[in-house]
Structures are given as C-alpha cells and as structure tokens.
Amino acid sequence: MQAVKPRKKRFSGNELGEPHPFDRHVGKRLRLRRTILGVSQERLAEALGLTFQQVQKYERGMNRISASRLYEIARALAVPMGFFLEDYNDGSYSVAGQDNYAAFEDTTGYNIDPMQREETLKLVKAYYRISDPLIRQNFLSLLESYTKTSPVKNQEYSQPGVSA
C-alpha cells in the first residue's frame, strides 16, 4: 500500500501559515471602511450573524472571506464589492502611482500604509463631518498648501509630540 502524501495548502501566504497578502489587503480594506463609518466589530458581526472574533480574523486576513460573505459585508457597509479589491498590487504588474508608496517604507522593511493609520481615519471622519461644502473645500486647500510649503524631513512620519 502506498503512503498518502499530505496535501499542500494551495493558497497560503507562505510556509509559516501567515495570511496571504491579498487576504490581508481585503481585511485592511474591511477595517478601513468599518472604521470610517464608525461601526464596531461587534455591530458588524451582529449585522452579519457572526461573532466579533470572526470579524477580527477577517480584518487580519487570518480567515478568508468567501465571495458570498464579501457580498454581505459590502452591503452592510454600503460599498461595492470592488472597494475591497482596490489598490492591491502584488508586484506582478505595474500600478500607476505605486512609486508614491515608497516614501512610507521604513528601514525595517515594514510598509506603513497611511490609510491604515488611526490619525488618517480620524482626519477623514472629521473632514466629512463638515457639512458646508465651501468650508470643506477651503480646509482641503489649506491642507494642500501646507504640503507644498513644508518639506518632509525624513521618510518616517513623525508622530505628534515626538521629535524627529
């Protein structure tokens, strides 16, 4: 009798059992949308008939999200399913503007996605709480003017209250 070979995981991120980069990307986009809407993991889980632990696993990319579940999540968070796939680049093709992300790579090799920073989410939420479109546009213009006049001193983003 011939020994049965163990099946290899076909879609794992690597041999150490880490999540696939695409699963992590989808999870990050899920967290981004949930946070922008101010929805807790518990509320989202309840709306989907899941536990909040399952939502945590989805957000970390530890558990894959099936197409039907992604559809349910997209409906609950009021976005098209494509929202979760946007901005993914696995390096096998060129994406316009991809070079811009190099400014956020630190020396340890860990890529910091500015859209995943809590301060970015707070800024976006505060921006959309401004009800007057003219004030919102003036605020955006003000921010843009600061970026044109304030050179970045180093590649690492400085935290408030922390000197570089």
N, C-alpha and C. Protein backbone atom coordinates (compact mmCIF):
# COMPACT_ATOMS: atom_id res chain seq x y z
N MET A 1 0.83 -1.18 0.00
CA MET A 1 0.00 0.00 0.00
C MET A 1 0.88 1.24 0.00
N GLN A 2 0.51 2.22 -0.81
CA GLN A 2 1.30 3.42 -0.98
C GLN A 2 0.89 4.47 0.06
N ALA A 3 1.88 5.15 0.63
CA ALA A 3 1.59 6.19 1.63
C ALA A 3 0.93 7.39 0.95
N VAL A 4 0.00 7.97 1.65
CA VAL A 4 -0.70 9.14 1.13
C VAL A 4 0.10 10.38 1.51
N LYS A 5 0.40 11.19 0.51
CA LYS A 5 1.13 12.42 0.76
C LYS A 5 0.18 13.45 1.36
N PRO A 6 0.65 14.21 2.34
CA PRO A 6 -0.22 15.27 2.87
C PRO A 6 -0.44 16.33 1.80
N ARG A 7 -1.65 16.86 1.77
CA ARG A 7 -1.99 17.90 0.79
C ARG A 7 -1.33 19.21 1.17
N LYS A 8 -0.79 19.86 0.17
CA LYS A 8 -0.23 21.19 0.39
C LYS A 8 -1.37 22.19 0.38
N LYS A 9 -1.23 23.23 1.20
CA LYS A 9 -2.17 24.34 1.14
C LYS A 9 -1.91 25.05 -0.19
N ARG A 10 -2.94 25.19 -0.97
CA ARG A 10 -2.76 25.78 -2.29
C ARG A 10 -2.62 27.29 -2.26
N PHE A 11 -3.26 27.96 -1.33
CA PHE A 11 -3.33 29.41 -1.39
C PHE A 11 -2.72 30.10 -0.19
N SER A 12 -1.89 29.45 0.58
CA SER A 12 -1.36 30.09 1.79
C SER A 12 -0.38 31.20 1.41
N GLY A 13 -0.21 32.12 2.34
CA GLY A 13 0.70 33.23 2.11
C GLY A 13 2.15 32.77 2.07
N ASN A 14 2.50 31.84 2.93
CA ASN A 14 3.85 31.29 2.93
C ASN A 14 3.84 29.99 3.72
N GLU A 15 5.00 29.41 3.88
CA GLU A 15 5.10 28.11 4.56
C GLU A 15 4.87 28.21 6.06
N LEU A 16 4.93 29.41 6.64
CA LEU A 16 4.75 29.57 8.08
C LEU A 16 3.29 29.71 8.47
N GLY A 17 2.39 29.63 7.52
CA GLY A 17 0.98 29.73 7.82
C GLY A 17 0.48 31.16 7.97
N GLU A 18 1.29 32.11 7.54
CA GLU A 18 0.85 33.50 7.60
C GLU A 18 -0.21 33.74 6.54
N PRO A 19 -1.05 34.74 6.75
CA PRO A 19 -2.11 35.02 5.77
C PRO A 19 -1.53 35.42 4.41
N HIS A 20 -2.26 35.12 3.38
CA HIS A 20 -1.88 35.54 2.03
C HIS A 20 -1.97 37.07 1.97
N PRO A 21 -1.06 37.72 1.28
CA PRO A 21 -1.09 39.18 1.21
C PRO A 21 -2.43 39.73 0.70
N PHE A 22 -3.07 39.03 -0.21
CA PHE A 22 -4.35 39.52 -0.72
C PHE A 22 -5.43 39.44 0.35
N ASP A 23 -5.43 38.37 1.14
CA ASP A 23 -6.40 38.25 2.24
C ASP A 23 -6.18 39.37 3.25
N ARG A 24 -4.92 39.69 3.51
CA ARG A 24 -4.62 40.79 4.43
C ARG A 24 -5.08 42.12 3.86
N HIS A 25 -4.90 42.29 2.56
CA HIS A 25 -5.35 43.53 1.91
C HIS A 25 -6.86 43.69 2.03
N VAL A 26 -7.60 42.64 1.72
CA VAL A 26 -9.06 42.70 1.82
C VAL A 26 -9.46 43.01 3.27
N GLY A 27 -8.79 42.39 4.22
CA GLY A 27 -9.08 42.65 5.63
C GLY A 27 -8.81 44.08 6.03
N LYS A 28 -7.72 44.65 5.51
CA LYS A 28 -7.40 46.05 5.81
C LYS A 28 -8.46 46.98 5.23
N ARG A 29 -8.93 46.66 4.03
CA ARG A 29 -9.97 47.49 3.42
C ARG A 29 -11.28 47.37 4.21
N LEU A 30 -11.56 46.17 4.71
CA LEU A 30 -12.74 45.96 5.55
C LEU A 30 -12.63 46.84 6.80
N ARG A 31 -11.49 46.79 7.46
CA ARG A 31 -11.29 47.60 8.67
C ARG A 31 -11.38 49.09 8.36
N LEU A 32 -10.80 49.51 7.25
CA LEU A 32 -10.84 50.91 6.85
C LEU A 32 -12.29 51.38 6.72
N ARG A 33 -13.10 50.65 5.97
CA ARG A 33 -14.49 51.07 5.74
C ARG A 33 -15.29 51.04 7.05
N ARG A 34 -15.10 49.99 7.83
CA ARG A 34 -15.84 49.87 9.09
C ARG A 34 -15.50 51.03 10.02
N THR A 35 -14.22 51.39 10.09
CA THR A 35 -13.77 52.46 10.97
C THR A 35 -14.26 53.82 10.48
N ILE A 36 -14.21 54.05 9.17
CA ILE A 36 -14.71 55.32 8.62
C ILE A 36 -16.17 55.50 8.96
N LEU A 37 -16.95 54.43 8.92
CA LEU A 37 -18.37 54.52 9.24
C LEU A 37 -18.63 54.57 10.74
N GLY A 38 -17.61 54.31 11.54
CA GLY A 38 -17.79 54.31 12.99
C GLY A 38 -18.53 53.09 13.50
N VAL A 39 -18.42 51.99 12.77
CA VAL A 39 -19.11 50.75 13.14
C VAL A 39 -18.13 49.86 13.91
N SER A 40 -18.55 49.37 15.06
CA SER A 40 -17.69 48.49 15.84
C SER A 40 -17.67 47.10 15.22
N GLN A 41 -16.67 46.33 15.60
CA GLN A 41 -16.62 44.93 15.15
C GLN A 41 -17.85 44.18 15.62
N GLU A 42 -18.29 44.49 16.82
CA GLU A 42 -19.47 43.81 17.38
C GLU A 42 -20.72 44.11 16.57
N ARG A 43 -20.92 45.38 16.20
CA ARG A 43 -22.11 45.75 15.42
C ARG A 43 -22.09 45.12 14.04
N LEU A 44 -20.92 45.12 13.40
CA LEU A 44 -20.81 44.50 12.08
C LEU A 44 -21.07 43.00 12.18
N ALA A 45 -20.48 42.38 13.20
CA ALA A 45 -20.67 40.94 13.39
C ALA A 45 -22.15 40.62 13.58
N GLU A 46 -22.83 41.41 14.38
CA GLU A 46 -24.25 41.19 14.63
C GLU A 46 -25.06 41.32 13.33
N ALA A 47 -24.73 42.32 12.52
CA ALA A 47 -25.43 42.52 11.25
C ALA A 47 -25.22 41.35 10.30
N LEU A 48 -24.07 40.69 10.42
CA LEU A 48 -23.74 39.58 9.52
C LEU A 48 -24.06 38.22 10.11
N GLY A 49 -24.47 38.20 11.38
CA GLY A 49 -24.74 36.92 12.03
C GLY A 49 -23.47 36.16 12.39
N LEU A 50 -22.42 36.91 12.75
CA LEU A 50 -21.12 36.32 13.10
C LEU A 50 -20.74 36.73 14.52
N THR A 51 -19.62 36.21 14.99
CA THR A 51 -19.05 36.69 16.23
C THR A 51 -18.05 37.80 15.89
N PHE A 52 -17.77 38.68 16.86
CA PHE A 52 -16.81 39.74 16.59
C PHE A 52 -15.42 39.15 16.36
N GLN A 53 -15.15 37.97 16.93
CA GLN A 53 -13.86 37.32 16.71
C GLN A 53 -13.67 36.96 15.24
N GLN A 54 -14.77 36.56 14.59
CA GLN A 54 -14.69 36.23 13.17
C GLN A 54 -14.37 37.48 12.36
N VAL A 55 -14.98 38.60 12.71
CA VAL A 55 -14.69 39.86 12.03
C VAL A 55 -13.22 40.22 12.25
N GLN A 56 -12.71 40.02 13.46
CA GLN A 56 -11.29 40.28 13.73
C GLN A 56 -10.40 39.43 12.82
N LYS A 57 -10.74 38.17 12.68
CA LYS A 57 -9.95 37.28 11.83
C LYS A 57 -10.01 37.72 10.37
N TYR A 58 -11.17 38.16 9.92
CA TYR A 58 -11.28 38.68 8.56
C TYR A 58 -10.38 39.90 8.39
N GLU A 59 -10.41 40.80 9.35
CA GLU A 59 -9.64 42.04 9.24
C GLU A 59 -8.13 41.79 9.26
N ARG A 60 -7.69 40.77 9.94
CA ARG A 60 -6.27 40.44 9.96
C ARG A 60 -5.87 39.57 8.79
N GLY A 61 -6.85 39.07 8.04
CA GLY A 61 -6.55 38.19 6.91
C GLY A 61 -6.33 36.76 7.33
N MET A 62 -6.57 36.44 8.59
CA MET A 62 -6.35 35.07 9.08
C MET A 62 -7.37 34.11 8.51
N ASN A 63 -8.59 34.58 8.30
CA ASN A 63 -9.63 33.77 7.67
C ASN A 63 -10.01 34.43 6.36
N ARG A 64 -10.16 33.61 5.34
CA ARG A 64 -10.57 34.12 4.04
C ARG A 64 -12.04 34.50 4.05
N ILE A 65 -12.36 35.48 3.25
CA ILE A 65 -13.74 35.90 3.10
C ILE A 65 -14.25 35.33 1.78
N SER A 66 -15.29 34.52 1.86
CA SER A 66 -15.86 33.95 0.63
C SER A 66 -16.54 35.05 -0.17
N ALA A 67 -16.81 34.77 -1.43
CA ALA A 67 -17.46 35.76 -2.29
C ALA A 67 -18.83 36.14 -1.75
N SER A 68 -19.59 35.17 -1.28
CA SER A 68 -20.93 35.49 -0.77
C SER A 68 -20.84 36.30 0.52
N ARG A 69 -19.86 36.01 1.36
CA ARG A 69 -19.69 36.77 2.59
C ARG A 69 -19.22 38.19 2.26
N LEU A 70 -18.32 38.32 1.28
CA LEU A 70 -17.86 39.63 0.87
C LEU A 70 -19.04 40.46 0.35
N TYR A 71 -19.95 39.83 -0.36
CA TYR A 71 -21.15 40.50 -0.84
C TYR A 71 -21.98 41.01 0.34
N GLU A 72 -22.16 40.17 1.36
CA GLU A 72 -22.92 40.57 2.55
C GLU A 72 -22.24 41.73 3.29
N ILE A 73 -20.92 41.65 3.40
CA ILE A 73 -20.16 42.70 4.08
C ILE A 73 -20.27 44.01 3.30
N ALA A 74 -20.14 43.93 1.98
CA ALA A 74 -20.24 45.13 1.13
C ALA A 74 -21.61 45.78 1.28
N ARG A 75 -22.65 44.97 1.33
CA ARG A 75 -24.00 45.52 1.50
C ARG A 75 -24.14 46.18 2.87
N ALA A 76 -23.62 45.52 3.91
CA ALA A 76 -23.72 46.07 5.27
C ALA A 76 -22.96 47.38 5.41
N LEU A 77 -21.84 47.50 4.70
CA LEU A 77 -21.01 48.70 4.80
C LEU A 77 -21.25 49.70 3.67
N ALA A 78 -22.26 49.41 2.85
CA ALA A 78 -22.69 50.33 1.78
C ALA A 78 -21.58 50.71 0.80
N VAL A 79 -20.85 49.70 0.34
CA VAL A 79 -19.83 49.92 -0.69
C VAL A 79 -19.95 48.82 -1.74
N PRO A 80 -19.49 49.07 -2.96
CA PRO A 80 -19.45 47.99 -3.94
C PRO A 80 -18.39 46.96 -3.53
N MET A 81 -18.55 45.74 -3.97
CA MET A 81 -17.58 44.70 -3.61
C MET A 81 -16.16 45.06 -4.05
N GLY A 82 -16.05 45.76 -5.16
CA GLY A 82 -14.75 46.16 -5.68
C GLY A 82 -13.96 47.03 -4.73
N PHE A 83 -14.63 47.69 -3.79
CA PHE A 83 -13.94 48.53 -2.81
C PHE A 83 -12.86 47.73 -2.09
N PHE A 84 -13.15 46.48 -1.78
CA PHE A 84 -12.22 45.66 -1.00
C PHE A 84 -11.02 45.21 -1.82
N LEU A 85 -11.13 45.32 -3.14
CA LEU A 85 -10.06 44.86 -4.02
C LEU A 85 -9.18 46.01 -4.50
N GLU A 86 -9.65 47.24 -4.33
CA GLU A 86 -8.92 48.40 -4.82
C GLU A 86 -7.54 48.52 -4.19
N ASP A 87 -6.65 49.09 -4.97
CA ASP A 87 -5.29 49.43 -4.52
C ASP A 87 -4.42 48.23 -4.19
N TYR A 88 -4.78 47.05 -4.63
CA TYR A 88 -3.92 45.89 -4.37
C TYR A 88 -2.89 45.76 -5.47
N ASN A 89 -1.66 45.54 -5.09
CA ASN A 89 -0.59 45.29 -6.05
C ASN A 89 0.33 44.25 -5.48
N ASP A 90 0.40 43.11 -6.15
CA ASP A 90 1.26 42.03 -5.67
C ASP A 90 2.64 42.07 -6.31
N GLY A 91 2.92 43.12 -7.10
CA GLY A 91 4.23 43.24 -7.72
C GLY A 91 4.31 42.58 -9.08
N SER A 92 3.28 41.87 -9.50
CA SER A 92 3.35 41.17 -10.78
C SER A 92 2.92 42.06 -11.94
N TYR A 93 2.43 43.26 -11.62
CA TYR A 93 2.07 44.21 -12.66
C TYR A 93 2.26 45.60 -12.12
N SER A 94 2.35 46.55 -13.01
CA SER A 94 2.59 47.93 -12.62
C SER A 94 1.28 48.66 -12.37
N VAL A 95 1.24 49.44 -11.31
CA VAL A 95 0.07 50.24 -10.99
C VAL A 95 0.49 51.69 -10.99
N ALA A 96 -0.27 52.53 -11.67
CA ALA A 96 0.05 53.95 -11.72
C ALA A 96 0.10 54.51 -10.31
N GLY A 97 1.13 55.29 -10.01
CA GLY A 97 1.25 55.91 -8.70
C GLY A 97 1.86 55.01 -7.64
N GLN A 98 2.22 53.79 -7.95
CA GLN A 98 2.74 52.87 -6.95
C GLN A 98 4.03 53.40 -6.32
N ASP A 99 4.83 54.14 -7.10
CA ASP A 99 6.08 54.66 -6.58
C ASP A 99 5.85 55.61 -5.41
N ASN A 100 4.68 56.22 -5.32
CA ASN A 100 4.40 57.13 -4.22
C ASN A 100 4.47 56.43 -2.88
N TYR A 101 4.20 55.15 -2.82
CA TYR A 101 4.20 54.43 -1.55
C TYR A 101 5.61 54.22 -1.01
N ALA A 102 6.62 54.32 -1.85
CA ALA A 102 7.98 54.11 -1.39
C ALA A 102 8.37 55.11 -0.30
N ALA A 103 7.76 56.27 -0.29
CA ALA A 103 8.06 57.28 0.73
C ALA A 103 7.66 56.83 2.12
N PHE A 104 6.82 55.82 2.21
CA PHE A 104 6.32 55.37 3.50
C PHE A 104 7.00 54.09 3.98
N GLU A 105 8.02 53.64 3.28
CA GLU A 105 8.71 52.42 3.69
C GLU A 105 9.81 52.78 4.68
N ASP A 106 9.79 52.16 5.84
CA ASP A 106 10.84 52.45 6.81
C ASP A 106 12.00 51.48 6.63
N THR A 107 13.06 51.67 7.41
CA THR A 107 14.28 50.89 7.22
C THR A 107 14.13 49.43 7.63
N THR A 108 13.09 49.09 8.38
CA THR A 108 12.91 47.69 8.78
C THR A 108 12.25 46.88 7.67
N GLY A 109 11.78 47.57 6.62
CA GLY A 109 11.11 46.87 5.55
C GLY A 109 9.62 46.74 5.75
N TYR A 110 9.11 47.25 6.86
CA TYR A 110 7.67 47.19 7.12
C TYR A 110 7.01 48.35 6.41
N ASN A 111 6.08 48.05 5.51
CA ASN A 111 5.40 49.10 4.76
C ASN A 111 4.27 49.68 5.58
N ILE A 112 4.31 50.98 5.77
CA ILE A 112 3.26 51.67 6.51
C ILE A 112 2.28 52.23 5.50
N ASP A 113 1.06 51.74 5.53
CA ASP A 113 0.02 52.23 4.65
C ASP A 113 -0.65 53.41 5.36
N PRO A 114 -0.52 54.62 4.82
CA PRO A 114 -1.08 55.78 5.51
C PRO A 114 -2.59 55.67 5.70
N MET A 115 -3.27 54.90 4.88
CA MET A 115 -4.72 54.75 5.03
C MET A 115 -5.08 53.86 6.22
N GLN A 116 -4.12 53.17 6.79
CA GLN A 116 -4.38 52.31 7.94
C GLN A 116 -4.07 52.99 9.26
N ARG A 117 -3.50 54.19 9.19
CA ARG A 117 -3.17 54.92 10.41
C ARG A 117 -4.44 55.46 11.05
N GLU A 118 -4.51 55.40 12.36
CA GLU A 118 -5.68 55.89 13.06
C GLU A 118 -5.90 57.38 12.85
N GLU A 119 -4.82 58.14 12.79
CA GLU A 119 -4.96 59.58 12.58
C GLU A 119 -5.54 59.89 11.20
N THR A 120 -5.24 59.08 10.21
CA THR A 120 -5.82 59.27 8.88
C THR A 120 -7.32 59.06 8.94
N LEU A 121 -7.73 58.01 9.62
CA LEU A 121 -9.16 57.73 9.74
C LEU A 121 -9.87 58.84 10.49
N LYS A 122 -9.25 59.36 11.55
CA LYS A 122 -9.85 60.47 12.30
C LYS A 122 -9.98 61.70 11.42
N LEU A 123 -8.95 61.96 10.64
CA LEU A 123 -8.97 63.12 9.75
C LEU A 123 -10.09 63.00 8.71
N VAL A 124 -10.22 61.84 8.11
CA VAL A 124 -11.27 61.63 7.10
C VAL A 124 -12.65 61.78 7.72
N LYS A 125 -12.84 61.19 8.90
CA LYS A 125 -14.14 61.30 9.57
C LYS A 125 -14.46 62.74 9.92
N ALA A 126 -13.47 63.47 10.44
CA ALA A 126 -13.68 64.88 10.80
C ALA A 126 -13.99 65.70 9.55
N TYR A 127 -13.28 65.43 8.47
CA TYR A 127 -13.49 66.15 7.21
C TYR A 127 -14.94 66.00 6.74
N TYR A 128 -15.46 64.79 6.76
CA TYR A 128 -16.82 64.56 6.27
C TYR A 128 -17.90 65.00 7.26
N ARG A 129 -17.51 65.34 8.49
CA ARG A 129 -18.48 65.92 9.43
C ARG A 129 -18.70 67.41 9.16
N ILE A 130 -17.83 68.01 8.35
CA ILE A 130 -18.02 69.42 7.97
C ILE A 130 -19.15 69.45 6.95
N SER A 131 -20.27 70.05 7.35
CA SER A 131 -21.46 70.00 6.48
C SER A 131 -21.43 71.00 5.34
N ASP A 132 -20.74 72.11 5.51
CA ASP A 132 -20.70 73.14 4.48
C ASP A 132 -19.64 72.78 3.43
N PRO A 133 -20.05 72.55 2.17
CA PRO A 133 -19.09 72.16 1.12
C PRO A 133 -17.99 73.20 0.89
N LEU A 134 -18.33 74.49 1.03
CA LEU A 134 -17.34 75.54 0.82
C LEU A 134 -16.26 75.49 1.91
N ILE A 135 -16.67 75.30 3.14
CA ILE A 135 -15.70 75.20 4.24
C ILE A 135 -14.83 73.96 4.05
N ARG A 136 -15.47 72.86 3.64
CA ARG A 136 -14.71 71.62 3.39
C ARG A 136 -13.66 71.86 2.31
N GLN A 137 -14.03 72.53 1.23
CA GLN A 137 -13.08 72.80 0.15
C GLN A 137 -11.97 73.72 0.62
N ASN A 138 -12.30 74.73 1.41
CA ASN A 138 -11.27 75.63 1.95
C ASN A 138 -10.30 74.89 2.86
N PHE A 139 -10.83 73.98 3.66
CA PHE A 139 -9.98 73.18 4.54
C PHE A 139 -9.02 72.32 3.73
N LEU A 140 -9.54 71.70 2.68
CA LEU A 140 -8.70 70.87 1.81
C LEU A 140 -7.61 71.72 1.15
N SER A 141 -7.98 72.91 0.68
CA SER A 141 -6.99 73.81 0.07
C SER A 141 -5.91 74.20 1.08
N LEU A 142 -6.32 74.46 2.32
CA LEU A 142 -5.36 74.79 3.37
C LEU A 142 -4.38 73.65 3.59
N LEU A 143 -4.90 72.43 3.70
CA LEU A 143 -4.02 71.27 3.88
C LEU A 143 -3.07 71.11 2.71
N GLU A 144 -3.57 71.27 1.51
CA GLU A 144 -2.72 71.13 0.33
C GLU A 144 -1.64 72.20 0.30
N SER A 145 -1.96 73.43 0.76
CA SER A 145 -0.96 74.49 0.78
C SER A 145 0.17 74.16 1.76
N TYR A 146 -0.16 73.52 2.88
CA TYR A 146 0.87 73.11 3.84
C TYR A 146 1.81 72.07 3.24
N THR A 147 1.29 71.17 2.46
CA THR A 147 2.15 70.13 1.89
C THR A 147 3.09 70.69 0.84
N LYS A 148 2.72 71.81 0.24
CA LYS A 148 3.58 72.44 -0.77
C LYS A 148 4.68 73.26 -0.12
N THR A 149 4.46 73.75 1.10
CA THR A 149 5.43 74.62 1.74
C THR A 149 6.24 73.94 2.83
N SER A 150 5.82 72.77 3.28
CA SER A 150 6.52 72.09 4.37
C SER A 150 7.24 70.85 3.85
N PRO A 151 8.56 70.93 3.65
CA PRO A 151 9.29 69.76 3.15
C PRO A 151 9.31 68.65 4.21
N VAL A 152 9.28 67.42 3.75
CA VAL A 152 9.36 66.27 4.64
C VAL A 152 10.82 66.12 5.05
N LYS A 153 11.07 66.05 6.37
CA LYS A 153 12.45 65.98 6.86
C LYS A 153 13.04 64.58 6.75
N ASN A 154 12.20 63.57 6.89
CA ASN A 154 12.69 62.20 6.72
C ASN A 154 11.54 61.35 6.21
N GLN A 155 11.82 60.11 5.87
CA GLN A 155 10.80 59.27 5.30
C GLN A 155 9.79 58.79 6.32
N GLU A 156 10.20 58.68 7.55
CA GLU A 156 9.28 58.20 8.57
C GLU A 156 8.38 59.33 9.01
N TYR A 157 7.12 59.06 9.11
CA TYR A 157 6.15 60.07 9.53
C TYR A 157 6.35 60.35 11.01
N SER A 158 6.45 61.62 11.36
CA SER A 158 6.65 61.95 12.78
C SER A 158 5.31 61.96 13.50
N GLN A 159 5.28 61.37 14.66
CA GLN A 159 4.10 61.32 15.50
C GLN A 159 3.97 62.64 16.24
N PRO A 160 2.73 63.09 16.50
CA PRO A 160 2.54 64.31 17.27
C PRO A 160 3.21 64.18 18.64
N GLY A 161 3.96 65.20 19.03
CA GLY A 161 4.61 65.20 20.34
C GLY A 161 5.93 64.43 20.37
N VAL A 162 6.35 63.88 19.23
CA VAL A 162 7.59 63.13 19.17
C VAL A 162 8.53 63.86 18.21
N SER A 163 9.68 64.27 18.70
CA SER A 163 10.61 64.98 17.83
C SER A 163 11.44 64.00 17.03
N ALA A 164 11.75 64.41 15.82
CA ALA A 164 12.48 63.52 14.90
C ALA A 164 13.96 63.55 15.17
